[in-house]
Every structure is written in structure tokens, then in C-alpha cells.
Amino acid sequence: MVDENQGLVGVMPTYEALRIAQERSVDLVEIAPTANPPVCKLMDFGAFKYRQEKTERKQRLKQKKVEVKGVRISLKIGQHDLDHRVNLSRKFLEQGDKVRLEMILRGRELQHQDLARQKITDFIAAVGNAAIEAPLSRMGNRFIVLITNNNAKTENS
């Protein structure tokens, strides 16, 4: 048994440890149940739980939530607009977010799906260190691809 000040009290029967805990008006908490003999500690369990929840809350606040940012391009997009969206996508990826690239084809543009696919692959190549997380898919007149930071993917693996 260990007391409140991390001092070793010694090995004793359970009823004796409970009696000491009641005298000191603290709780008897089993720390290592698989040890032989099991290790117990005298502590204020409510205060212990409060401190533990507080540290868990701080850790949750520090975690970065990954967001999916949307970038939309068209088949007839100008070079300057395309460069702007490439730079925007790079910024999103550097911040740790994912980018959902979307291209909507209208009217006769639907006949040039091969050009749309090529424009999307050129866009991803222009972004640089981007990895395709969800492959290029077509939903009606839309092409959608989800890209993520290539460096972040290798760090997590």
C-alpha cells in the first residue's frame, strides 16, 4: 500500500488498509490489480478524477481537427485564377487540411471529359506535395477528387 505522499506503507490485509483509509478520510484505490500482491493507494479519488479529466480536456483542445476545404475549378478557367487556386490549395495542405477539388462541366463541356481529367491531374501536379486520398470520381456533371498533404500522410503511417 502507498499513502497520499507516495510513501510506502507496506503489505497488509485489505481490511487493515480500508481501516487506515477511513481513519484518514480518504479513498483506497487499487492501482495495479495484476501485481502480486495488488498495489493500492490512499488518495482523494474525486480530486484525482477531476485532475485527470482536466488534463484530457487540455489534450483534446491541443488536437488539430482536420477540415476538408473545397476548391472549385472549371474547364475554361484562366491561368491566373488557376494559379491562385493552386496557391490556396498549397496553403490549406500546409495547414494540415484536406482539399476537395471539384470541377463542374456545363453543356458541351460534358463531351470533353478527357480534358477535364487532364486539367485535374495537372492541377494536382502543380500543387506539388499532394497525395490523392480519394480517387477521381464522377457524379453527374461533377468530377471530384480528395487530396491531402503527402508529408502528413507519410508521418502518420
N, C-alpha and C. Protein backbone atom coordinates (compact mmCIF):
# COMPACT_ATOMS: atom_id res chain seq x y z
N MET A 1 0.84 -1.18 0.00
CA MET A 1 0.00 0.00 0.00
C MET A 1 0.89 1.25 0.00
N VAL A 2 0.45 2.26 -0.73
CA VAL A 2 1.14 3.54 -0.83
C VAL A 2 0.24 4.60 -0.24
N ASP A 3 0.80 5.53 0.56
CA ASP A 3 -0.04 6.57 1.16
C ASP A 3 -0.12 7.80 0.26
N GLU A 4 -0.78 8.86 0.75
CA GLU A 4 -1.02 10.07 -0.06
C GLU A 4 0.26 10.76 -0.50
N ASN A 5 1.32 10.64 0.28
CA ASN A 5 2.58 11.34 -0.01
C ASN A 5 3.56 10.45 -0.75
N GLN A 6 3.08 9.43 -1.44
CA GLN A 6 3.89 8.49 -2.21
C GLN A 6 4.83 7.66 -1.33
N GLY A 7 4.55 7.63 -0.04
CA GLY A 7 5.37 6.84 0.87
C GLY A 7 4.86 5.41 0.95
N LEU A 8 5.75 4.45 0.98
CA LEU A 8 5.37 3.04 1.02
C LEU A 8 4.98 2.68 2.46
N VAL A 9 3.74 2.23 2.63
CA VAL A 9 3.24 1.85 3.95
C VAL A 9 3.60 0.39 4.23
N GLY A 10 3.47 -0.45 3.22
CA GLY A 10 3.82 -1.86 3.37
C GLY A 10 2.70 -2.77 2.94
N VAL A 11 2.96 -4.09 3.05
CA VAL A 11 1.98 -5.10 2.67
C VAL A 11 1.10 -5.38 3.88
N MET A 12 -0.22 -5.35 3.66
CA MET A 12 -1.18 -5.59 4.75
C MET A 12 -2.47 -6.14 4.18
N PRO A 13 -3.31 -6.72 5.04
CA PRO A 13 -4.60 -7.23 4.57
C PRO A 13 -5.52 -6.08 4.13
N THR A 14 -6.50 -6.42 3.33
CA THR A 14 -7.41 -5.42 2.77
C THR A 14 -8.20 -4.70 3.86
N TYR A 15 -8.68 -5.44 4.84
CA TYR A 15 -9.48 -4.80 5.89
C TYR A 15 -8.66 -3.78 6.68
N GLU A 16 -7.36 -4.06 6.86
CA GLU A 16 -6.48 -3.13 7.57
C GLU A 16 -6.29 -1.85 6.74
N ALA A 17 -6.10 -2.02 5.42
CA ALA A 17 -5.93 -0.86 4.53
C ALA A 17 -7.20 -0.01 4.50
N LEU A 18 -8.37 -0.66 4.48
CA LEU A 18 -9.63 0.08 4.49
C LEU A 18 -9.80 0.85 5.80
N ARG A 19 -9.38 0.26 6.92
CA ARG A 19 -9.48 0.93 8.21
C ARG A 19 -8.61 2.19 8.24
N ILE A 20 -7.38 2.08 7.70
CA ILE A 20 -6.47 3.23 7.64
C ILE A 20 -7.06 4.32 6.74
N ALA A 21 -7.67 3.93 5.62
CA ALA A 21 -8.28 4.90 4.71
C ALA A 21 -9.43 5.63 5.40
N GLN A 22 -10.24 4.92 6.19
CA GLN A 22 -11.35 5.56 6.89
C GLN A 22 -10.85 6.50 7.98
N GLU A 23 -9.76 6.13 8.66
CA GLU A 23 -9.20 7.00 9.69
C GLU A 23 -8.69 8.32 9.11
N ARG A 24 -8.08 8.22 7.94
CA ARG A 24 -7.52 9.43 7.29
C ARG A 24 -8.55 10.13 6.41
N SER A 25 -9.75 9.59 6.31
CA SER A 25 -10.86 10.09 5.49
C SER A 25 -10.45 10.31 4.03
N VAL A 26 -9.86 9.27 3.46
CA VAL A 26 -9.51 9.25 2.04
C VAL A 26 -10.03 7.95 1.44
N ASP A 27 -9.86 7.78 0.15
CA ASP A 27 -10.31 6.58 -0.55
C ASP A 27 -9.14 5.63 -0.74
N LEU A 28 -9.43 4.33 -0.78
CA LEU A 28 -8.45 3.30 -1.08
C LEU A 28 -8.66 2.88 -2.53
N VAL A 29 -7.67 3.17 -3.38
CA VAL A 29 -7.81 2.93 -4.82
C VAL A 29 -6.79 1.87 -5.23
N GLU A 30 -7.27 0.87 -5.96
CA GLU A 30 -6.39 -0.19 -6.44
C GLU A 30 -5.67 0.30 -7.70
N ILE A 31 -4.34 0.43 -7.62
CA ILE A 31 -3.56 0.97 -8.72
C ILE A 31 -3.13 -0.13 -9.69
N ALA A 32 -2.56 -1.20 -9.18
CA ALA A 32 -2.08 -2.30 -10.02
C ALA A 32 -2.72 -3.61 -9.56
N PRO A 33 -3.88 -3.97 -10.11
CA PRO A 33 -4.58 -5.17 -9.65
C PRO A 33 -3.90 -6.46 -10.07
N THR A 34 -3.07 -6.43 -11.12
CA THR A 34 -2.44 -7.65 -11.59
C THR A 34 -1.15 -7.98 -10.85
N ALA A 35 -0.63 -7.03 -10.07
CA ALA A 35 0.60 -7.27 -9.33
C ALA A 35 0.33 -8.27 -8.21
N ASN A 36 1.39 -8.89 -7.72
CA ASN A 36 1.25 -9.85 -6.64
C ASN A 36 2.10 -9.40 -5.47
N PRO A 37 1.61 -8.89 -4.39
CA PRO A 37 0.21 -8.58 -4.07
C PRO A 37 -0.25 -7.32 -4.80
N PRO A 38 -1.58 -7.14 -4.97
CA PRO A 38 -2.10 -5.94 -5.64
C PRO A 38 -1.68 -4.66 -4.91
N VAL A 39 -1.40 -3.61 -5.70
CA VAL A 39 -0.95 -2.35 -5.13
C VAL A 39 -2.14 -1.41 -4.99
N CYS A 40 -2.30 -0.83 -3.79
CA CYS A 40 -3.36 0.12 -3.52
C CYS A 40 -2.77 1.43 -3.05
N LYS A 41 -3.53 2.51 -3.24
CA LYS A 41 -3.03 3.83 -2.86
C LYS A 41 -4.12 4.58 -2.12
N LEU A 42 -3.72 5.33 -1.11
CA LEU A 42 -4.63 6.19 -0.38
C LEU A 42 -4.67 7.54 -1.09
N MET A 43 -5.86 7.98 -1.51
CA MET A 43 -5.99 9.26 -2.22
C MET A 43 -7.42 9.73 -2.19
N ASP A 44 -7.60 11.01 -2.51
CA ASP A 44 -8.94 11.57 -2.69
C ASP A 44 -9.33 11.29 -4.13
N PHE A 45 -10.19 10.30 -4.33
CA PHE A 45 -10.49 9.84 -5.68
C PHE A 45 -11.21 10.89 -6.51
N GLY A 46 -12.07 11.70 -5.89
CA GLY A 46 -12.78 12.76 -6.62
C GLY A 46 -11.81 13.78 -7.19
N ALA A 47 -10.82 14.19 -6.38
CA ALA A 47 -9.82 15.15 -6.86
C ALA A 47 -8.96 14.53 -7.95
N PHE A 48 -8.64 13.24 -7.81
CA PHE A 48 -7.85 12.54 -8.83
C PHE A 48 -8.59 12.51 -10.16
N LYS A 49 -9.89 12.17 -10.12
CA LYS A 49 -10.69 12.14 -11.35
C LYS A 49 -10.79 13.52 -11.99
N TYR A 50 -10.94 14.54 -11.16
CA TYR A 50 -11.04 15.91 -11.67
C TYR A 50 -9.75 16.30 -12.39
N ARG A 51 -8.58 16.02 -11.79
CA ARG A 51 -7.31 16.35 -12.43
C ARG A 51 -7.12 15.59 -13.73
N GLN A 52 -7.54 14.33 -13.74
CA GLN A 52 -7.40 13.51 -14.94
C GLN A 52 -8.28 14.05 -16.06
N GLU A 53 -9.52 14.42 -15.76
CA GLU A 53 -10.42 14.98 -16.78
C GLU A 53 -9.90 16.31 -17.30
N LYS A 54 -9.30 17.09 -16.41
CA LYS A 54 -8.75 18.38 -16.80
C LYS A 54 -7.60 18.22 -17.79
N THR A 55 -6.71 17.26 -17.54
CA THR A 55 -5.60 17.02 -18.48
C THR A 55 -6.12 16.47 -19.80
N GLU A 56 -7.14 15.60 -19.77
CA GLU A 56 -7.72 15.08 -21.01
C GLU A 56 -8.35 16.21 -21.82
N ARG A 57 -9.01 17.15 -21.14
CA ARG A 57 -9.63 18.28 -21.82
C ARG A 57 -8.57 19.14 -22.50
N LYS A 58 -7.45 19.38 -21.82
CA LYS A 58 -6.36 20.16 -22.40
C LYS A 58 -5.80 19.47 -23.63
N GLN A 59 -5.64 18.14 -23.57
CA GLN A 59 -5.11 17.40 -24.71
C GLN A 59 -6.07 17.47 -25.89
N ARG A 60 -7.38 17.41 -25.62
CA ARG A 60 -8.35 17.50 -26.71
C ARG A 60 -8.31 18.86 -27.38
N LEU A 61 -8.09 19.92 -26.60
CA LEU A 61 -8.02 21.26 -27.17
C LEU A 61 -6.79 21.43 -28.05
N LYS A 62 -5.70 20.74 -27.72
CA LYS A 62 -4.47 20.88 -28.48
C LYS A 62 -4.51 20.12 -29.80
N GLN A 63 -5.43 19.16 -29.92
CA GLN A 63 -5.50 18.37 -31.14
C GLN A 63 -6.02 19.21 -32.30
N LYS A 64 -5.42 19.03 -33.47
CA LYS A 64 -5.83 19.74 -34.67
C LYS A 64 -6.92 18.93 -35.35
N LYS A 65 -8.05 19.55 -35.57
CA LYS A 65 -9.13 18.90 -36.28
C LYS A 65 -8.91 19.12 -37.78
N VAL A 66 -8.86 18.05 -38.52
CA VAL A 66 -8.63 18.14 -39.96
C VAL A 66 -9.94 18.52 -40.63
N GLU A 67 -9.88 19.60 -41.39
CA GLU A 67 -11.05 20.04 -42.12
C GLU A 67 -10.86 19.74 -43.60
N VAL A 68 -11.96 19.63 -44.31
CA VAL A 68 -11.92 19.44 -45.76
C VAL A 68 -12.30 20.77 -46.39
N LYS A 69 -11.34 21.38 -47.08
CA LYS A 69 -11.57 22.67 -47.75
C LYS A 69 -11.92 22.38 -49.21
N GLY A 70 -12.87 23.11 -49.72
CA GLY A 70 -13.30 22.91 -51.10
C GLY A 70 -12.70 23.93 -52.04
N VAL A 71 -12.19 23.45 -53.18
CA VAL A 71 -11.67 24.31 -54.23
C VAL A 71 -12.37 23.89 -55.52
N ARG A 72 -12.96 24.87 -56.21
CA ARG A 72 -13.71 24.56 -57.43
C ARG A 72 -13.01 25.21 -58.62
N ILE A 73 -12.80 24.43 -59.65
CA ILE A 73 -12.24 24.96 -60.90
C ILE A 73 -13.19 24.57 -62.03
N SER A 74 -12.99 25.21 -63.16
CA SER A 74 -13.79 24.88 -64.33
C SER A 74 -12.86 24.52 -65.48
N LEU A 75 -13.45 24.01 -66.53
CA LEU A 75 -12.64 23.58 -67.68
C LEU A 75 -12.03 24.78 -68.39
N LYS A 76 -12.73 25.93 -68.39
CA LYS A 76 -12.24 27.12 -69.10
C LYS A 76 -11.64 28.14 -68.15
N ILE A 77 -11.06 27.69 -67.03
CA ILE A 77 -10.51 28.61 -66.04
C ILE A 77 -9.26 29.29 -66.61
N GLY A 78 -9.11 30.58 -66.29
CA GLY A 78 -7.94 31.33 -66.75
C GLY A 78 -6.70 30.92 -65.97
N GLN A 79 -5.52 31.20 -66.52
CA GLN A 79 -4.27 30.79 -65.91
C GLN A 79 -4.06 31.45 -64.53
N HIS A 80 -4.37 32.74 -64.44
CA HIS A 80 -4.18 33.44 -63.17
C HIS A 80 -5.09 32.87 -62.09
N ASP A 81 -6.35 32.60 -62.45
CA ASP A 81 -7.28 32.01 -61.48
C ASP A 81 -6.82 30.62 -61.07
N LEU A 82 -6.30 29.86 -62.03
CA LEU A 82 -5.80 28.52 -61.72
C LEU A 82 -4.60 28.60 -60.77
N ASP A 83 -3.68 29.54 -61.03
CA ASP A 83 -2.52 29.72 -60.15
C ASP A 83 -2.96 30.12 -58.75
N HIS A 84 -3.96 30.99 -58.67
CA HIS A 84 -4.47 31.41 -57.36
C HIS A 84 -5.04 30.23 -56.58
N ARG A 85 -5.79 29.37 -57.25
CA ARG A 85 -6.38 28.21 -56.57
C ARG A 85 -5.32 27.17 -56.20
N VAL A 86 -4.27 27.06 -57.01
CA VAL A 86 -3.15 26.17 -56.66
C VAL A 86 -2.48 26.67 -55.38
N ASN A 87 -2.21 27.99 -55.30
CA ASN A 87 -1.58 28.55 -54.10
C ASN A 87 -2.49 28.39 -52.88
N LEU A 88 -3.78 28.57 -53.07
CA LEU A 88 -4.74 28.40 -51.99
C LEU A 88 -4.74 26.95 -51.49
N SER A 89 -4.70 26.01 -52.43
CA SER A 89 -4.66 24.59 -52.07
C SER A 89 -3.39 24.24 -51.32
N ARG A 90 -2.25 24.80 -51.76
CA ARG A 90 -0.99 24.57 -51.05
C ARG A 90 -1.08 25.05 -49.62
N LYS A 91 -1.67 26.23 -49.43
CA LYS A 91 -1.80 26.80 -48.09
C LYS A 91 -2.67 25.90 -47.21
N PHE A 92 -3.78 25.41 -47.76
CA PHE A 92 -4.65 24.52 -47.00
C PHE A 92 -3.91 23.24 -46.60
N LEU A 93 -3.15 22.67 -47.54
CA LEU A 93 -2.44 21.43 -47.26
C LEU A 93 -1.33 21.64 -46.23
N GLU A 94 -0.66 22.80 -46.27
CA GLU A 94 0.38 23.08 -45.29
C GLU A 94 -0.20 23.24 -43.89
N GLN A 95 -1.44 23.71 -43.80
CA GLN A 95 -2.10 23.86 -42.50
C GLN A 95 -2.61 22.53 -41.96
N GLY A 96 -2.49 21.47 -42.77
CA GLY A 96 -2.92 20.14 -42.32
C GLY A 96 -4.33 19.77 -42.74
N ASP A 97 -4.96 20.61 -43.54
CA ASP A 97 -6.32 20.32 -44.00
C ASP A 97 -6.27 19.50 -45.29
N LYS A 98 -7.40 18.91 -45.62
CA LYS A 98 -7.54 18.19 -46.88
C LYS A 98 -8.25 19.11 -47.87
N VAL A 99 -8.02 18.86 -49.15
CA VAL A 99 -8.63 19.69 -50.19
C VAL A 99 -9.51 18.82 -51.07
N ARG A 100 -10.75 19.26 -51.22
CA ARG A 100 -11.70 18.58 -52.10
C ARG A 100 -11.78 19.41 -53.39
N LEU A 101 -11.15 18.89 -54.43
CA LEU A 101 -11.11 19.58 -55.72
C LEU A 101 -12.32 19.15 -56.53
N GLU A 102 -13.04 20.16 -57.03
CA GLU A 102 -14.28 19.88 -57.75
C GLU A 102 -14.27 20.64 -59.07
N MET A 103 -14.67 19.95 -60.12
CA MET A 103 -14.82 20.58 -61.44
C MET A 103 -16.22 20.26 -61.95
N ILE A 104 -16.96 21.30 -62.30
CA ILE A 104 -18.31 21.13 -62.82
C ILE A 104 -18.27 21.39 -64.32
N LEU A 105 -18.76 20.44 -65.07
CA LEU A 105 -18.83 20.59 -66.53
C LEU A 105 -20.25 20.99 -66.91
N ARG A 106 -20.35 22.00 -67.79
CA ARG A 106 -21.66 22.51 -68.19
C ARG A 106 -21.82 22.40 -69.70
N GLY A 107 -23.01 21.99 -70.10
CA GLY A 107 -23.35 21.97 -71.52
C GLY A 107 -22.45 21.07 -72.34
N ARG A 108 -21.81 21.66 -73.36
CA ARG A 108 -20.97 20.88 -74.26
C ARG A 108 -19.65 20.44 -73.62
N GLU A 109 -19.33 21.03 -72.46
CA GLU A 109 -18.10 20.62 -71.77
C GLU A 109 -18.17 19.14 -71.36
N LEU A 110 -19.37 18.60 -71.22
CA LEU A 110 -19.53 17.20 -70.85
C LEU A 110 -18.94 16.25 -71.90
N GLN A 111 -18.80 16.73 -73.14
CA GLN A 111 -18.21 15.90 -74.18
C GLN A 111 -16.70 15.82 -74.07
N HIS A 112 -16.10 16.68 -73.26
CA HIS A 112 -14.64 16.74 -73.14
C HIS A 112 -14.19 16.29 -71.75
N GLN A 113 -14.65 15.12 -71.35
CA GLN A 113 -14.29 14.61 -70.03
C GLN A 113 -12.80 14.29 -69.94
N ASP A 114 -12.19 13.90 -71.05
CA ASP A 114 -10.76 13.62 -71.03
C ASP A 114 -9.95 14.89 -70.74
N LEU A 115 -10.40 16.03 -71.27
CA LEU A 115 -9.72 17.30 -70.97
C LEU A 115 -9.90 17.69 -69.50
N ALA A 116 -11.07 17.39 -68.96
CA ALA A 116 -11.33 17.68 -67.55
C ALA A 116 -10.42 16.84 -66.66
N ARG A 117 -10.30 15.57 -66.97
CA ARG A 117 -9.40 14.70 -66.19
C ARG A 117 -7.96 15.20 -66.27
N GLN A 118 -7.55 15.60 -67.45
CA GLN A 118 -6.18 16.09 -67.63
C GLN A 118 -5.95 17.38 -66.85
N LYS A 119 -6.94 18.28 -66.86
CA LYS A 119 -6.81 19.54 -66.11
C LYS A 119 -6.69 19.27 -64.62
N ILE A 120 -7.43 18.28 -64.11
CA ILE A 120 -7.37 17.93 -62.69
C ILE A 120 -6.01 17.33 -62.35
N THR A 121 -5.49 16.43 -63.17
CA THR A 121 -4.17 15.85 -62.89
C THR A 121 -3.08 16.90 -62.97
N ASP A 122 -3.21 17.86 -63.91
CA ASP A 122 -2.24 18.96 -63.99
C ASP A 122 -2.32 19.84 -62.74
N PHE A 123 -3.52 20.06 -62.24
CA PHE A 123 -3.71 20.86 -61.03
C PHE A 123 -3.01 20.19 -59.84
N ILE A 124 -3.23 18.89 -59.69
CA ILE A 124 -2.62 18.15 -58.57
C ILE A 124 -1.10 18.17 -58.69
N ALA A 125 -0.59 18.04 -59.91
CA ALA A 125 0.85 18.10 -60.12
C ALA A 125 1.39 19.49 -59.79
N ALA A 126 0.62 20.53 -60.09
CA ALA A 126 1.06 21.90 -59.82
C ALA A 126 1.08 22.19 -58.32
N VAL A 127 0.20 21.54 -57.56
CA VAL A 127 0.18 21.75 -56.11
C VAL A 127 1.49 21.26 -55.51
N GLY A 128 2.03 20.20 -56.03
CA GLY A 128 3.33 19.71 -55.55
C GLY A 128 3.19 18.50 -54.67
N ASN A 129 3.44 18.65 -53.37
CA ASN A 129 3.48 17.50 -52.46
C ASN A 129 2.08 17.07 -52.03
N ALA A 130 1.24 16.78 -53.01
CA ALA A 130 -0.13 16.36 -52.72
C ALA A 130 -0.28 14.88 -53.07
N ALA A 131 -1.01 14.18 -52.22
CA ALA A 131 -1.32 12.77 -52.46
C ALA A 131 -2.83 12.64 -52.61
N ILE A 132 -3.25 11.79 -53.51
CA ILE A 132 -4.68 11.58 -53.75
C ILE A 132 -5.19 10.63 -52.68
N GLU A 133 -6.12 11.12 -51.86
CA GLU A 133 -6.69 10.28 -50.80
C GLU A 133 -7.90 9.51 -51.32
N ALA A 134 -8.78 10.20 -52.03
CA ALA A 134 -9.93 9.55 -52.66
C ALA A 134 -9.78 9.75 -54.16
N PRO A 135 -9.84 8.69 -54.94
CA PRO A 135 -9.59 8.82 -56.38
C PRO A 135 -10.63 9.68 -57.08
N LEU A 136 -10.29 10.09 -58.29
CA LEU A 136 -11.16 10.92 -59.09
C LEU A 136 -12.46 10.18 -59.36
N SER A 137 -13.58 10.82 -58.99
CA SER A 137 -14.88 10.20 -59.20
C SER A 137 -15.79 11.18 -59.93
N ARG A 138 -16.74 10.62 -60.62
CA ARG A 138 -17.67 11.45 -61.38
C ARG A 138 -19.07 11.26 -60.81
N MET A 139 -19.72 12.38 -60.50
CA MET A 139 -21.11 12.35 -60.02
C MET A 139 -21.91 13.28 -60.92
N GLY A 140 -22.55 12.72 -61.89
CA GLY A 140 -23.32 13.54 -62.84
C GLY A 140 -22.38 14.38 -63.68
N ASN A 141 -22.48 15.71 -63.55
CA ASN A 141 -21.62 16.59 -64.33
C ASN A 141 -20.44 17.10 -63.50
N ARG A 142 -20.15 16.48 -62.37
CA ARG A 142 -19.06 16.91 -61.49
C ARG A 142 -17.96 15.85 -61.43
N PHE A 143 -16.73 16.32 -61.41
CA PHE A 143 -15.58 15.49 -61.11
C PHE A 143 -15.06 15.92 -59.75
N ILE A 144 -14.84 14.96 -58.87
CA ILE A 144 -14.41 15.27 -57.51
C ILE A 144 -13.22 14.39 -57.14
N VAL A 145 -12.20 15.01 -56.51
CA VAL A 145 -11.04 14.27 -56.01
C VAL A 145 -10.65 14.88 -54.67
N LEU A 146 -10.27 14.04 -53.73
CA LEU A 146 -9.85 14.49 -52.41
C LEU A 146 -8.34 14.32 -52.30
N ILE A 147 -7.64 15.43 -52.05
CA ILE A 147 -6.19 15.36 -51.94
C ILE A 147 -5.75 15.77 -50.54
N THR A 148 -4.62 15.24 -50.13
CA THR A 148 -4.07 15.53 -48.80
C THR A 148 -2.58 15.79 -48.94
N ASN A 149 -1.99 16.31 -47.88
CA ASN A 149 -0.56 16.62 -47.88
C ASN A 149 0.22 15.30 -47.90
N ASN A 150 1.15 15.17 -48.82
CA ASN A 150 1.94 13.96 -48.96
C ASN A 150 2.82 13.74 -47.74
N ASN A 151 3.37 14.82 -47.16
CA ASN A 151 4.23 14.71 -45.98
C ASN A 151 3.45 14.25 -44.77
N ALA A 152 2.24 14.75 -44.61
CA ALA A 152 1.42 14.36 -43.45
C ALA A 152 1.04 12.89 -43.54
N LYS A 153 0.83 12.39 -44.75
CA LYS A 153 0.44 11.00 -44.91
C LYS A 153 1.58 10.05 -44.52
N THR A 154 2.82 10.44 -44.85
CA THR A 154 3.94 9.58 -44.50
C THR A 154 4.26 9.66 -43.01
N GLU A 155 3.99 10.80 -42.36
CA GLU A 155 4.24 10.91 -40.93
C GLU A 155 3.28 10.05 -40.13
N ASN A 156 2.03 9.97 -40.54
CA ASN A 156 1.04 9.19 -39.81
C ASN A 156 1.23 7.70 -40.00
N SER A 157 1.78 7.29 -41.11
CA SER A 157 1.94 5.86 -41.40
C SER A 157 3.05 5.24 -40.63
